PDB file of N, CA and C in Angstrom:
ATOM      1  N   UNK A   1      27.145 -44.636  -1.565  1.00  0.00           N
ATOM      2  CA  UNK A   1      28.847 -45.177  -1.636  1.00  0.00           C
ATOM      3  C   UNK A   1      29.747 -45.102  -0.574  1.00  0.00           C
ATOM      4  N   UNK A   2      29.508 -44.205   0.300  1.00  0.00           N
ATOM      5  CA  UNK A   2      30.427 -44.270   1.444  1.00  0.00           C
ATOM      6  C   UNK A   2      30.146 -45.396   2.381  1.00  0.00           C
ATOM      7  N   UNK A   3      28.674 -45.680   2.533  1.00  0.00           N
ATOM      8  CA  UNK A   3      28.146 -46.811   3.541  1.00  0.00           C
ATOM      9  C   UNK A   3      28.332 -47.761   2.848  1.00  0.00           C
ATOM     10  N   UNK A   4      28.502 -48.311   1.694  1.00  0.00           N
ATOM     11  CA  UNK A   4      28.780 -49.316   1.131  1.00  0.00           C
ATOM     12  C   UNK A   4      30.302 -49.812   0.766  1.00  0.00           C
ATOM     13  N   UNK A   5      30.992 -48.616   0.281  1.00  0.00           N
ATOM     14  CA  UNK A   5      32.268 -48.622  -0.070  1.00  0.00           C
ATOM     15  C   UNK A   5      33.246 -48.887   1.471  1.00  0.00           C
ATOM     16  N   UNK A   6      33.125 -48.087   2.189  1.00  0.00           N
ATOM     17  CA  UNK A   6      33.764 -48.254   3.579  1.00  0.00           C
ATOM     18  C   UNK A   6      33.364 -49.396   4.477  1.00  0.00           C
ATOM     19  N   UNK A   7      32.209 -50.231   4.284  1.00  0.00           N
ATOM     20  CA  UNK A   7      31.778 -51.006   5.026  1.00  0.00           C
ATOM     21  C   UNK A   7      31.431 -50.731   6.464  1.00  0.00           C
ATOM     22  N   UNK A   8      30.806 -49.464   6.468  1.00  0.00           N
ATOM     23  CA  UNK A   8      30.352 -48.800   7.741  1.00  0.00           C
ATOM     24  C   UNK A   8      29.496 -49.889   8.669  1.00  0.00           C
ATOM     25  N   UNK A   9      28.696 -50.682   8.128  1.00  0.00           N
ATOM     26  CA  UNK A   9      27.825 -51.350   9.156  1.00  0.00           C
ATOM     27  C   UNK A   9      28.608 -52.647   9.604  1.00  0.00           C
ATOM     28  N   UNK A  10      29.610 -53.110   9.109  1.00  0.00           N
ATOM     29  CA  UNK A  10      30.450 -54.053   9.376  1.00  0.00           C
ATOM     30  C   UNK A  10      31.522 -53.767  10.441  1.00  0.00           C
ATOM     31  N   UNK A  11      31.659 -52.518  10.849  1.00  0.00           N
ATOM     32  CA  UNK A  11      32.554 -51.938  12.007  1.00  0.00           C
ATOM     33  C   UNK A  11      32.225 -52.272  13.506  1.00  0.00           C
ATOM     34  N   UNK A  12      33.246 -52.512  13.993  1.00  0.00           N
ATOM     35  CA  UNK A  12      33.275 -53.019  15.571  1.00  0.00           C
ATOM     36  C   UNK A  12      34.048 -52.082  16.243  1.00  0.00           C
ATOM     37  N   UNK A  13      33.644 -50.799  16.562  1.00  0.00           N
ATOM     38  CA  UNK A  13      34.472 -49.902  17.436  1.00  0.00           C
ATOM     39  C   UNK A  13      34.502 -50.031  18.843  1.00  0.00           C
ATOM     40  N   UNK A  14      35.795 -50.408  19.278  1.00  0.00           N
ATOM     41  CA  UNK A  14      35.670 -50.479  20.861  1.00  0.00           C
ATOM     42  C   UNK A  14      36.337 -49.470  21.405  1.00  0.00           C
ATOM     43  N   UNK A  15      37.202 -48.691  21.018  1.00  0.00           N
ATOM     44  CA  UNK A  15      37.587 -47.621  21.770  1.00  0.00           C
ATOM     45  C   UNK A  15      37.549 -46.119  21.000  1.00  0.00           C
ATOM     46  N   UNK A  16      37.487 -44.852  21.726  1.00  0.00           N
ATOM     47  CA  UNK A  16      37.466 -43.697  21.307  1.00  0.00           C
ATOM     48  C   UNK A  16      38.369 -43.244  20.298  1.00  0.00           C
ATOM     49  N   UNK A  17      39.728 -44.077  20.440  1.00  0.00           N
ATOM     50  CA  UNK A  17      40.530 -43.782  19.102  1.00  0.00           C
ATOM     51  C   UNK A  17      40.374 -44.478  18.189  1.00  0.00           C
ATOM     52  N   UNK A  18      39.811 -45.538  18.060  1.00  0.00           N
ATOM     53  CA  UNK A  18      39.394 -46.231  16.789  1.00  0.00           C
ATOM     54  C   UNK A  18      38.324 -45.542  16.089  1.00  0.00           C
ATOM     55  N   UNK A  19      37.332 -44.920  16.973  1.00  0.00           N
ATOM     56  CA  UNK A  19      36.207 -44.167  16.569  1.00  0.00           C
ATOM     57  C   UNK A  19      36.658 -42.991  15.815  1.00  0.00           C
ATOM     58  N   UNK A  20      37.727 -42.326  16.586  1.00  0.00           N
ATOM     59  CA  UNK A  20      38.501 -41.115  15.879  1.00  0.00           C
ATOM     60  C   UNK A  20      38.938 -41.254  14.492  1.00  0.00           C
ATOM     61  N   UNK A  21      39.834 -42.510  14.513  1.00  0.00           N
ATOM     62  CA  UNK A  21      40.263 -43.040  13.165  1.00  0.00           C
ATOM     63  C   UNK A  21      39.426 -43.069  12.094  1.00  0.00           C
ATOM     64  N   UNK A  22      38.250 -43.794  12.484  1.00  0.00           N
ATOM     65  CA  UNK A  22      37.421 -43.989  11.351  1.00  0.00           C
ATOM     66  C   UNK A  22      36.548 -42.847  10.781  1.00  0.00           C
ATOM     67  N   UNK A  23      36.128 -42.043  11.715  1.00  0.00           N
ATOM     68  CA  UNK A  23      35.685 -40.844  11.602  1.00  0.00           C
ATOM     69  C   UNK A  23      36.301 -39.942  10.523  1.00  0.00           C
ATOM     70  N   UNK A  24      37.780 -39.855  10.937  1.00  0.00           N
ATOM     71  CA  UNK A  24      38.712 -38.892   9.956  1.00  0.00           C
ATOM     72  C   UNK A  24      38.899 -39.642   8.575  1.00  0.00           C
ATOM     73  N   UNK A  25      38.920 -41.073   8.508  1.00  0.00           N
ATOM     74  CA  UNK A  25      39.034 -41.641   7.334  1.00  0.00           C
ATOM     75  C   UNK A  25      37.391 -41.327   6.553  1.00  0.00           C
ATOM     76  N   UNK A  26      36.238 -41.464   7.071  1.00  0.00           N
ATOM     77  CA  UNK A  26      35.061 -41.388   6.625  1.00  0.00           C
ATOM     78  C   UNK A  26      34.705 -39.854   6.205  1.00  0.00           C
ATOM     79  N   UNK A  27      35.433 -39.016   6.890  1.00  0.00           N
ATOM     80  CA  UNK A  27      35.503 -37.408   6.419  1.00  0.00           C
ATOM     81  C   UNK A  27      36.275 -37.115   4.996  1.00  0.00           C
ATOM     82  N   UNK A  28      37.220 -37.740   5.026  1.00  0.00           N
ATOM     83  CA  UNK A  28      38.180 -37.721   3.882  1.00  0.00           C
ATOM     84  C   UNK A  28      37.447 -38.233   2.846  1.00  0.00           C
ATOM     85  N   UNK A  29      36.847 -39.483   2.838  1.00  0.00           N
ATOM     86  CA  UNK A  29      36.417 -40.393   1.824  1.00  0.00           C
ATOM     87  C   UNK A  29      35.235 -39.490   1.411  1.00  0.00           C
ATOM     88  N   UNK A  30      34.141 -39.085   2.291  1.00  0.00           N
ATOM     89  CA  UNK A  30      33.051 -38.162   2.073  1.00  0.00           C
ATOM     90  C   UNK A  30      33.186 -37.093   0.819  1.00  0.00           C
ATOM     91  N   UNK A  31      34.476 -36.341   1.465  1.00  0.00           N
ATOM     92  CA  UNK A  31      34.732 -35.119   0.741  1.00  0.00           C
ATOM     93  C   UNK A  31      35.286 -35.418  -0.681  1.00  0.00           C
ATOM     94  N   UNK A  32      36.045 -36.637  -0.729  1.00  0.00           N
ATOM     95  CA  UNK A  32      36.485 -36.982  -2.258  1.00  0.00           C
ATOM     96  C   UNK A  32      35.403 -37.377  -2.936  1.00  0.00           C
ATOM     97  N   UNK A  33      34.329 -38.322  -2.673  1.00  0.00           N
ATOM     98  CA  UNK A  33      33.238 -38.392  -3.273  1.00  0.00           C
ATOM     99  C   UNK A  33      32.565 -37.442  -3.736  1.00  0.00           C
ATOM    100  N   UNK A  34      32.107 -36.343  -2.834  1.00  0.00           N
ATOM    101  CA  UNK A  34      31.548 -35.396  -3.150  1.00  0.00           C
ATOM    102  C   UNK A  34      32.232 -34.556  -4.183  1.00  0.00           C
ATOM    103  N   UNK A  35      33.682 -34.638  -4.228  1.00  0.00           N
ATOM    104  CA  UNK A  35      34.278 -33.784  -5.194  1.00  0.00           C
ATOM    105  C   UNK A  35      34.155 -34.369  -6.367  1.00  0.00           C
ATOM    106  N   UNK A  36      34.333 -35.780  -6.668  1.00  0.00           N
ATOM    107  CA  UNK A  36      34.360 -36.330  -7.837  1.00  0.00           C
ATOM    108  C   UNK A  36      32.929 -36.256  -8.438  1.00  0.00           C
ATOM    109  N   UNK A  37      31.457 -36.368  -7.494  1.00  0.00           N
ATOM    110  CA  UNK A  37      30.532 -36.162  -8.193  1.00  0.00           C
ATOM    111  C   UNK A  37      30.371 -34.731  -8.618  1.00  0.00           C
ATOM    112  N   UNK A  38      30.856 -33.497  -8.186  1.00  0.00           N
ATOM    113  CA  UNK A  38      30.716 -32.300  -8.512  1.00  0.00           C
ATOM    114  C   UNK A  38      31.521 -32.099  -9.734  1.00  0.00           C
ATOM    115  N   UNK A  39      32.564 -32.606  -9.829  1.00  0.00           N
ATOM    116  CA  UNK A  39      33.506 -32.518 -11.140  1.00  0.00           C
ATOM    117  C   UNK A  39      32.900 -33.342 -12.511  1.00  0.00           C
ATOM    118  N   UNK A  40      32.244 -34.569 -12.227  1.00  0.00           N
ATOM    119  CA  UNK A  40      31.761 -35.187 -13.033  1.00  0.00           C
ATOM    120  C   UNK A  40      30.451 -34.505 -13.471  1.00  0.00           C
ATOM    121  N   UNK A  41      29.589 -33.854 -12.555  1.00  0.00           N
ATOM    122  CA  UNK A  41      28.398 -33.063 -13.137  1.00  0.00           C
ATOM    123  C   UNK A  41      28.921 -31.814 -13.967  1.00  0.00           C
ATOM    124  N   UNK A  42      29.768 -31.169 -13.418  1.00  0.00           N
ATOM    125  CA  UNK A  42      30.558 -30.138 -13.947  1.00  0.00           C
ATOM    126  C   UNK A  42      31.061 -29.947 -15.400  1.00  0.00           C
ATOM    127  N   UNK A  43      31.826 -31.200 -15.446  1.00  0.00           N
ATOM    128  CA  UNK A  43      32.620 -31.375 -16.696  1.00  0.00           C
ATOM    129  C   UNK A  43      32.737 -32.821 -17.212  1.00  0.00           C
ATOM    130  N   UNK A  44      31.471 -33.405 -17.420  1.00  0.00           N
ATOM    131  CA  UNK A  44      31.353 -34.714 -18.012  1.00  0.00           C
ATOM    132  C   UNK A  44      32.127 -35.057 -18.949  1.00  0.00           C
ATOM    133  N   UNK A  45      32.413 -34.452 -20.038  1.00  0.00           N
ATOM    134  CA  UNK A  45      33.194 -34.541 -20.856  1.00  0.00           C
ATOM    135  C   UNK A  45      34.786 -34.856 -20.838  1.00  0.00           C
ATOM    136  N   UNK A  46      35.261 -34.127 -19.943  1.00  0.00           N
ATOM    137  CA  UNK A  46      36.839 -33.987 -19.489  1.00  0.00           C
ATOM    138  C   UNK A  46      37.360 -35.439 -19.270  1.00  0.00           C
ATOM    139  N   UNK A  47      38.690 -35.756 -19.599  1.00  0.00           N
ATOM    140  CA  UNK A  47      39.141 -36.955 -19.249  1.00  0.00           C
ATOM    141  C   UNK A  47      39.371 -37.134 -17.666  1.00  0.00           C
ATOM    142  N   UNK A  48      39.082 -38.605 -17.217  1.00  0.00           N
ATOM    143  CA  UNK A  48      39.256 -38.877 -15.814  1.00  0.00           C
ATOM    144  C   UNK A  48      40.749 -38.677 -15.185  1.00  0.00           C
ATOM    145  N   UNK A  49      41.621 -38.474 -15.980  1.00  0.00           N
ATOM    146  CA  UNK A  49      42.936 -38.468 -15.156  1.00  0.00           C
ATOM    147  C   UNK A  49      43.084 -36.871 -14.960  1.00  0.00           C
ATOM    148  N   UNK A  50      42.026 -35.901 -15.304  1.00  0.00           N
ATOM    149  CA  UNK A  50      42.285 -34.315 -14.874  1.00  0.00           C
ATOM    150  C   UNK A  50      41.542 -34.201 -13.702  1.00  0.00           C
ATOM    151  N   UNK A  51      40.903 -35.187 -13.163  1.00  0.00           N
ATOM    152  CA  UNK A  51      40.305 -34.994 -11.749  1.00  0.00           C
ATOM    153  C   UNK A  51      40.791 -35.848 -10.679  1.00  0.00           C
ATOM    154  N   UNK A  52      41.495 -37.132 -11.221  1.00  0.00           N
ATOM    155  CA  UNK A  52      42.254 -38.042 -10.066  1.00  0.00           C
ATOM    156  C   UNK A  52      43.447 -38.321 -10.660  1.00  0.00           C
ATOM    157  N   UNK A  53      44.263 -38.878  -9.735  1.00  0.00           N
ATOM    158  CA  UNK A  53      45.530 -39.209 -10.157  1.00  0.00           C
ATOM    159  C   UNK A  53      45.478 -40.607 -10.494  1.00  0.00           C
ATOM    160  N   UNK A  54      46.632 -41.064 -11.081  1.00  0.00           N
ATOM    161  CA  UNK A  54      46.489 -42.560 -11.832  1.00  0.00           C
ATOM    162  C   UNK A  54      46.461 -43.614 -10.541  1.00  0.00           C
ATOM    163  N   UNK A  55      46.994 -43.150  -9.418  1.00  0.00           N
ATOM    164  CA  UNK A  55      46.981 -44.202  -8.012  1.00  0.00           C
ATOM    165  C   UNK A  55      45.593 -44.382  -7.853  1.00  0.00           C
ATOM    166  N   UNK A  56      44.711 -43.133  -8.001  1.00  0.00           N
ATOM    167  CA  UNK A  56      43.432 -43.140  -7.604  1.00  0.00           C
ATOM    168  C   UNK A  56      42.767 -43.915  -8.518  1.00  0.00           C
ATOM    169  N   UNK A  57      43.187 -43.788  -9.535  1.00  0.00           N
ATOM    170  CA  UNK A  57      42.169 -44.366 -10.852  1.00  0.00           C
ATOM    171  C   UNK A  57      42.496 -45.948 -10.919  1.00  0.00           C
ATOM    172  N   UNK A  58      43.374 -46.255 -10.367  1.00  0.00           N
ATOM    173  CA  UNK A  58      43.834 -47.692 -10.456  1.00  0.00           C
ATOM    174  C   UNK A  58      43.311 -48.301  -9.060  1.00  0.00           C
ATOM    175  N   UNK A  59      43.202 -47.825  -7.999  1.00  0.00           N
ATOM    176  CA  UNK A  59      42.409 -48.100  -6.686  1.00  0.00           C
ATOM    177  C   UNK A  59      40.943 -48.477  -7.160  1.00  0.00           C
ATOM    178  N   UNK A  60      40.334 -47.321  -7.840  1.00  0.00           N
ATOM    179  CA  UNK A  60      39.170 -47.268  -8.302  1.00  0.00           C
ATOM    180  C   UNK A  60      38.647 -48.535  -9.021  1.00  0.00           C
ATOM    181  N   UNK A  61      39.509 -48.751 -10.120  1.00  0.00           N
ATOM    182  CA  UNK A  61      39.399 -49.787 -11.398  1.00  0.00           C
ATOM    183  C   UNK A  61      39.516 -51.105 -10.552  1.00  0.00           C
ATOM    184  N   UNK A  62      40.428 -51.452  -9.649  1.00  0.00           N
ATOM    185  CA  UNK A  62      40.796 -52.612  -8.732  1.00  0.00           C
ATOM    186  C   UNK A  62      39.188 -52.853  -7.965  1.00  0.00           C
ATOM    187  N   UNK A  63      38.406 -51.720  -7.621  1.00  0.00           N
ATOM    188  CA  UNK A  63      37.535 -52.020  -6.799  1.00  0.00           C
ATOM    189  C   UNK A  63      36.116 -52.422  -7.620  1.00  0.00           C
ATOM    190  N   UNK A  64      36.288 -51.939  -8.663  1.00  0.00           N
ATOM    191  CA  UNK A  64      35.165 -52.198  -9.672  1.00  0.00           C
ATOM    192  C   UNK A  64      35.202 -53.596 -10.122  1.00  0.00           C
ATOM    193  N   UNK A  65      36.495 -54.282 -10.252  1.00  0.00           N
ATOM    194  CA  UNK A  65      37.157 -55.423 -11.058  1.00  0.00           C
ATOM    195  C   UNK A  65      36.632 -56.335  -9.673  1.00  0.00           C
ATOM    196  N   UNK A  66      36.848 -56.116  -8.637  1.00  0.00           N
ATOM    197  CA  UNK A  66      36.544 -57.158  -7.128  1.00  0.00           C
ATOM    198  C   UNK A  66      35.010 -57.072  -7.207  1.00  0.00           C
ATOM    199  N   UNK A  67      34.424 -56.201  -7.273  1.00  0.00           N
ATOM    200  CA  UNK A  67      32.893 -56.222  -7.193  1.00  0.00           C
ATOM    201  C   UNK A  67      32.078 -57.041  -8.434  1.00  0.00           C
ATOM    202  N   UNK A  68      32.755 -57.189  -9.550  1.00  0.00           N
ATOM    203  CA  UNK A  68      32.344 -58.110 -10.748  1.00  0.00           C
ATOM    204  C   UNK A  68      32.711 -59.546 -10.429  1.00  0.00           C
ATOM    205  N   UNK A  69      33.393 -59.834  -9.419  1.00  0.00           N
ATOM    206  CA  UNK A  69      33.648 -61.272  -9.356  1.00  0.00           C
ATOM    207  C   UNK A  69      32.505 -61.841  -8.649  1.00  0.00           C
TER     208      UNK A  69
END
């Protein structure tokens, strides 16, 4: 998920600062994906809005719709 969603293979990092920013983004993203997977496993019947904010749900839904195009 992290590899395809963040397009890690397409990055062209030219400076240490850029690498540092990418690593920070990847760490937060990986933590969130791990947290969501654990939440879904532990509470599969709970509504999605108990584990995500509406902004997060909107972003995820937009990505799902874009993948379907």
